[in-house]
Amino acid sequence: MGGILEIVAMLKEPTGMAIAVVVIGAGYFFVKWVFAENPDDV
């Protein structure tokens, strides 16, 4: 629970928001890359 409160407190700061955007973007592209169809499998 303490970790969640630390993250929420960090997100209230501009630097924390910027870091969150970068992490969410990286996670999105990682998931997109993992689930992409491989053209060699056809």
N, C-alpha and C. Protein backbone atom coordinates (compact mmCIF):
# COMPACT_ATOMS: atom_id res chain seq x y z
N MET A 1 0.83 -1.20 0.00
CA MET A 1 0.00 0.00 0.00
C MET A 1 0.87 1.25 0.00
N GLY A 2 1.96 1.22 0.73
CA GLY A 2 2.84 2.37 0.78
C GLY A 2 3.42 2.71 -0.58
N GLY A 3 3.70 1.68 -1.38
CA GLY A 3 4.24 1.91 -2.72
C GLY A 3 3.25 2.63 -3.60
N ILE A 4 1.97 2.26 -3.48
CA ILE A 4 0.94 2.92 -4.29
C ILE A 4 0.84 4.39 -3.90
N LEU A 5 0.89 4.68 -2.60
CA LEU A 5 0.82 6.06 -2.15
C LEU A 5 2.02 6.87 -2.65
N GLU A 6 3.19 6.25 -2.68
CA GLU A 6 4.37 6.94 -3.21
C GLU A 6 4.20 7.28 -4.69
N ILE A 7 3.64 6.34 -5.46
CA ILE A 7 3.44 6.58 -6.89
C ILE A 7 2.43 7.70 -7.10
N VAL A 8 1.33 7.68 -6.32
CA VAL A 8 0.31 8.72 -6.46
C VAL A 8 0.90 10.08 -6.11
N ALA A 9 1.71 10.14 -5.08
CA ALA A 9 2.34 11.40 -4.69
C ALA A 9 3.30 11.88 -5.80
N MET A 10 4.01 10.94 -6.42
CA MET A 10 4.94 11.29 -7.50
C MET A 10 4.17 11.83 -8.71
N LEU A 11 2.99 11.26 -9.00
CA LEU A 11 2.21 11.68 -10.17
C LEU A 11 1.66 13.09 -10.03
N LYS A 12 1.61 13.61 -8.82
CA LYS A 12 1.10 14.97 -8.62
C LYS A 12 2.13 16.02 -9.03
N GLU A 13 3.38 15.61 -9.23
CA GLU A 13 4.43 16.54 -9.64
C GLU A 13 4.60 16.48 -11.15
N PRO A 14 4.99 17.59 -11.78
CA PRO A 14 5.16 17.60 -13.25
C PRO A 14 6.18 16.57 -13.73
N THR A 15 7.27 16.40 -13.00
CA THR A 15 8.28 15.42 -13.39
C THR A 15 7.71 14.00 -13.33
N GLY A 16 6.94 13.73 -12.30
CA GLY A 16 6.32 12.41 -12.16
C GLY A 16 5.35 12.13 -13.30
N MET A 17 4.61 13.15 -13.71
CA MET A 17 3.68 12.96 -14.84
C MET A 17 4.45 12.67 -16.12
N ALA A 18 5.54 13.36 -16.34
CA ALA A 18 6.34 13.13 -17.55
C ALA A 18 6.90 11.71 -17.55
N ILE A 19 7.38 11.26 -16.40
CA ILE A 19 7.90 9.89 -16.30
C ILE A 19 6.79 8.89 -16.55
N ALA A 20 5.59 9.15 -16.01
CA ALA A 20 4.46 8.24 -16.21
C ALA A 20 4.10 8.14 -17.68
N VAL A 21 4.11 9.27 -18.40
CA VAL A 21 3.79 9.25 -19.83
C VAL A 21 4.81 8.41 -20.59
N VAL A 22 6.08 8.56 -20.26
CA VAL A 22 7.13 7.79 -20.93
C VAL A 22 6.97 6.30 -20.64
N VAL A 23 6.71 5.94 -19.39
CA VAL A 23 6.56 4.53 -19.02
C VAL A 23 5.34 3.91 -19.69
N ILE A 24 4.22 4.64 -19.70
CA ILE A 24 3.00 4.12 -20.34
C ILE A 24 3.22 3.97 -21.84
N GLY A 25 3.89 4.93 -22.46
CA GLY A 25 4.18 4.83 -23.90
C GLY A 25 5.08 3.65 -24.21
N ALA A 26 6.11 3.47 -23.41
CA ALA A 26 7.01 2.33 -23.62
C ALA A 26 6.26 1.01 -23.44
N GLY A 27 5.41 0.94 -22.44
CA GLY A 27 4.62 -0.28 -22.21
C GLY A 27 3.68 -0.55 -23.37
N TYR A 28 3.05 0.49 -23.90
CA TYR A 28 2.14 0.33 -25.03
C TYR A 28 2.87 -0.24 -26.25
N PHE A 29 4.02 0.36 -26.59
CA PHE A 29 4.74 -0.12 -27.76
C PHE A 29 5.34 -1.50 -27.54
N PHE A 30 5.70 -1.84 -26.29
CA PHE A 30 6.22 -3.18 -26.01
C PHE A 30 5.12 -4.21 -26.22
N VAL A 31 3.92 -3.94 -25.71
CA VAL A 31 2.81 -4.88 -25.88
C VAL A 31 2.44 -5.00 -27.35
N LYS A 32 2.44 -3.87 -28.06
CA LYS A 32 2.13 -3.88 -29.49
C LYS A 32 3.16 -4.72 -30.25
N TRP A 33 4.42 -4.61 -29.86
CA TRP A 33 5.50 -5.37 -30.51
C TRP A 33 5.37 -6.86 -30.20
N VAL A 34 5.02 -7.19 -28.96
CA VAL A 34 4.93 -8.60 -28.56
C VAL A 34 3.79 -9.29 -29.31
N PHE A 35 2.66 -8.60 -29.46
CA PHE A 35 1.49 -9.23 -30.08
C PHE A 35 1.39 -9.02 -31.57
N ALA A 36 2.39 -8.36 -32.18
CA ALA A 36 2.36 -8.15 -33.63
C ALA A 36 2.54 -9.48 -34.36
N GLU A 37 1.90 -9.59 -35.50
CA GLU A 37 2.05 -10.81 -36.29
C GLU A 37 3.42 -10.81 -36.95
N ASN A 38 4.06 -11.94 -36.89
CA ASN A 38 5.39 -12.06 -37.50
C ASN A 38 5.22 -12.45 -38.96
N PRO A 39 5.73 -11.66 -39.90
CA PRO A 39 5.55 -12.00 -41.31
C PRO A 39 6.25 -13.30 -41.71
N ASP A 40 7.21 -13.77 -40.92
CA ASP A 40 7.90 -15.02 -41.25
C ASP A 40 7.06 -16.24 -40.91
N ASP A 41 5.98 -16.08 -40.15
CA ASP A 41 5.16 -17.22 -39.74
C ASP A 41 4.12 -17.62 -40.78
N VAL A 42 4.03 -16.86 -41.86
CA VAL A 42 2.97 -17.11 -42.84
C VAL A 42 3.27 -18.35 -43.64
